[in-house]
């Protein structure tokens, strides 16, 4: 059974930081390209960042320079370090893993940026 389990969300003040984690099980993790998406209330789910098996990264423009995606293949985990958070970063953050025809999603973790 494949599972992607996100953690690390919460309430943070503007300008603060959070690190999200996504632990994968039931897959051979290292070949997967891993992604982070987010969905704010009333909006479509949007791409945030991705990291390939070769650790090539890609970011949505609005988070470049503030967010960093990384992976630890030994722990089957992908991370999203989020710095300088803004109220508009408030959303449910989802982890996604893709390889060949496989496409798996986590259940999401809430991030709320508010004073």
Protein backbone atom coordinates (compact mmCIF):
# COMPACT_ATOMS: atom_id res chain seq x y z
CA UNK A 1 0.00 0.00 0.00
CA UNK A 2 1.47 3.31 -1.10
CA UNK A 3 1.32 6.18 1.36
CA UNK A 4 2.58 9.74 1.28
CA UNK A 5 2.21 11.38 4.67
CA UNK A 6 2.79 15.10 5.08
CA UNK A 7 3.64 16.74 8.38
CA UNK A 8 4.99 20.00 9.73
CA UNK A 9 2.13 22.35 8.96
CA UNK A 10 0.72 24.80 11.45
CA UNK A 11 0.13 28.42 12.33
CA UNK A 12 3.00 30.84 11.81
CA UNK A 13 3.33 34.61 11.84
CA UNK A 14 4.20 36.53 8.67
CA UNK A 15 7.94 36.41 8.09
CA UNK A 16 8.25 33.12 9.91
CA UNK A 17 9.41 29.71 8.76
CA UNK A 18 8.09 26.17 8.59
CA UNK A 19 9.53 22.92 7.29
CA UNK A 20 7.14 20.44 5.77
CA UNK A 21 8.00 16.77 5.45
CA UNK A 22 6.49 14.07 3.29
CA UNK A 23 7.33 10.49 4.17
CA UNK A 24 6.72 7.89 1.50
CA UNK A 25 6.10 4.20 2.05
CA UNK A 26 5.19 1.34 -0.24
CA UNK A 27 7.31 2.63 -3.14
CA UNK A 28 10.92 2.48 -4.23
CA UNK A 29 11.41 6.17 -3.54
CA UNK A 30 14.63 7.22 -5.24
CA UNK A 31 13.50 7.25 -8.91
CA UNK A 32 10.40 9.32 -8.17
CA UNK A 33 10.13 12.98 -9.02
CA UNK A 34 8.60 14.56 -5.94
CA UNK A 35 6.42 17.64 -5.96
CA UNK A 36 4.77 20.01 -3.55
CA UNK A 37 1.44 21.61 -4.44
CA UNK A 38 -0.89 23.81 -2.44
CA UNK A 39 -4.56 24.71 -2.52
CA UNK A 40 -6.00 27.81 -0.90
CA UNK A 41 -9.73 28.09 -0.14
CA UNK A 42 -11.72 28.76 -3.28
CA UNK A 43 -8.68 28.34 -5.52
CA UNK A 44 -7.28 25.60 -7.72
CA UNK A 45 -4.43 23.43 -6.59
CA UNK A 46 -1.16 24.95 -7.78
CA UNK A 47 2.38 23.70 -8.29
CA UNK A 48 4.96 24.93 -5.79
CA UNK A 49 8.16 22.98 -6.27
CA UNK A 50 9.61 19.75 -7.59
CA UNK A 51 12.80 17.72 -7.27
CA UNK A 52 13.92 14.97 -9.62
CA UNK A 53 15.84 11.82 -8.82
CA UNK A 54 18.96 13.75 -9.83
CA UNK A 55 17.99 16.55 -7.42
CA UNK A 56 17.15 19.01 -10.17
CA UNK A 57 14.72 21.47 -8.66
CA UNK A 58 12.02 23.72 -10.05
CA UNK A 59 9.91 26.36 -8.31
CA UNK A 60 6.86 28.47 -8.88
CA UNK A 61 7.97 32.06 -9.32
CA UNK A 62 6.13 33.31 -6.25
CA UNK A 63 8.17 31.09 -3.91
CA UNK A 64 11.61 31.33 -5.53
CA UNK A 65 14.17 32.50 -3.04
CA UNK A 66 11.87 31.74 -0.09
CA UNK A 67 11.13 28.00 -0.37
CA UNK A 68 13.60 25.15 -0.78
CA UNK A 69 12.72 21.59 -1.74
CA UNK A 70 15.07 18.76 -0.82
CA UNK A 71 14.99 15.00 -0.46
CA UNK A 72 16.58 12.29 1.64
CA UNK A 73 16.38 9.01 -0.24
CA UNK A 74 17.66 7.06 2.76
CA UNK A 75 14.59 8.23 4.70
CA UNK A 76 12.15 8.13 1.75
CA UNK A 77 11.31 11.72 2.57
CA UNK A 78 10.96 14.99 0.72
CA UNK A 79 11.05 18.34 2.50
CA UNK A 80 9.86 21.85 1.83
CA UNK A 81 11.64 24.55 3.81
CA UNK A 82 9.50 27.67 3.77
CA UNK A 83 11.00 30.98 4.86
CA UNK A 84 9.71 34.55 4.85
CA UNK A 85 6.15 33.26 4.86
CA UNK A 86 3.36 35.56 3.74
CA UNK A 87 -0.39 35.46 4.44
CA UNK A 88 -0.92 34.50 0.80
CA UNK A 89 1.04 31.29 1.44
CA UNK A 90 -1.89 30.07 3.56
CA UNK A 91 -3.15 26.83 2.02
CA UNK A 92 -3.28 23.08 2.35
CA UNK A 93 0.07 21.74 1.12
CA UNK A 94 0.14 18.42 -0.70
CA UNK A 95 2.99 16.08 -1.52
CA UNK A 96 2.96 14.29 -4.90
CA UNK A 97 5.19 11.55 -6.25
CA UNK A 98 5.44 10.55 -9.92
CA UNK A 99 7.36 7.86 -11.75
CA UNK A 100 6.39 6.36 -15.09
CA UNK A 101 2.59 5.92 -14.81
CA UNK A 102 2.58 6.16 -11.01
CA UNK A 103 1.06 9.29 -9.55
CA UNK A 104 0.51 9.41 -5.78
CA UNK A 105 -0.81 12.13 -3.48
CA UNK A 106 -0.67 12.72 0.23
CA UNK A 107 -3.60 13.87 2.33
CA UNK A 108 -2.26 17.39 2.82
CA UNK A 109 -1.15 19.53 5.73
CA UNK A 110 -2.56 22.94 6.62
CA UNK A 111 -0.29 25.97 6.67
CA UNK A 112 -1.75 29.19 8.04
CA UNK A 113 0.22 32.43 7.98
CA UNK A 114 -1.41 35.01 10.18
CA UNK A 115 -0.62 37.48 12.93
